[in-house]
């Protein structure tokens, strides 16, 4: 008698091995995702610290204009700097179409917010000291291109605060 039907028998060891492989792959994916989130959080924290340091350097000079390039996660599309206080209004550039959404992230006296909301994972907004915003362009949103944002920091003679501009 010929047995034409195939029969598959898996031992307990084989089934246990497959289950372990699935568990290890799941854990690996989870760990990699967490490491990427930590890397993005570090990039954002480094940006904030370095940007504040550069603003302070320009602020301490009598007159200066310098261009800076910063790295940010590619999930962030815009860095918006402006006045989001209770009496502030949107004026000027493309930031005004995001103003209402940005204003919801405003907390006490922060003036820098990352867009889209939630792209900065736990650091949606922060306060940058010694910086002046242009009331005609509130907020001024800087485009993040391929994970980089270019900013010109400028302090005019006799002025108390640093201005920032978009670098083309």
Foldseek 3Di string as FASTA:
>chain_A
DDDPDDDDDDDPVRVVVVVVVVVVVVVVVVVVVVVVLVVQLVLVVVCQVVVLVVQVVQLPDQWDKDKDKGFHDPLWFKKKFFFLDPPAAAADDPCNVCNVVLSVVDDDGWGIATPPQPSSPPPGTHHRPQEDADSRHGIDIFGQDPRMTMKMWIDHHPDNGIYIDGDD
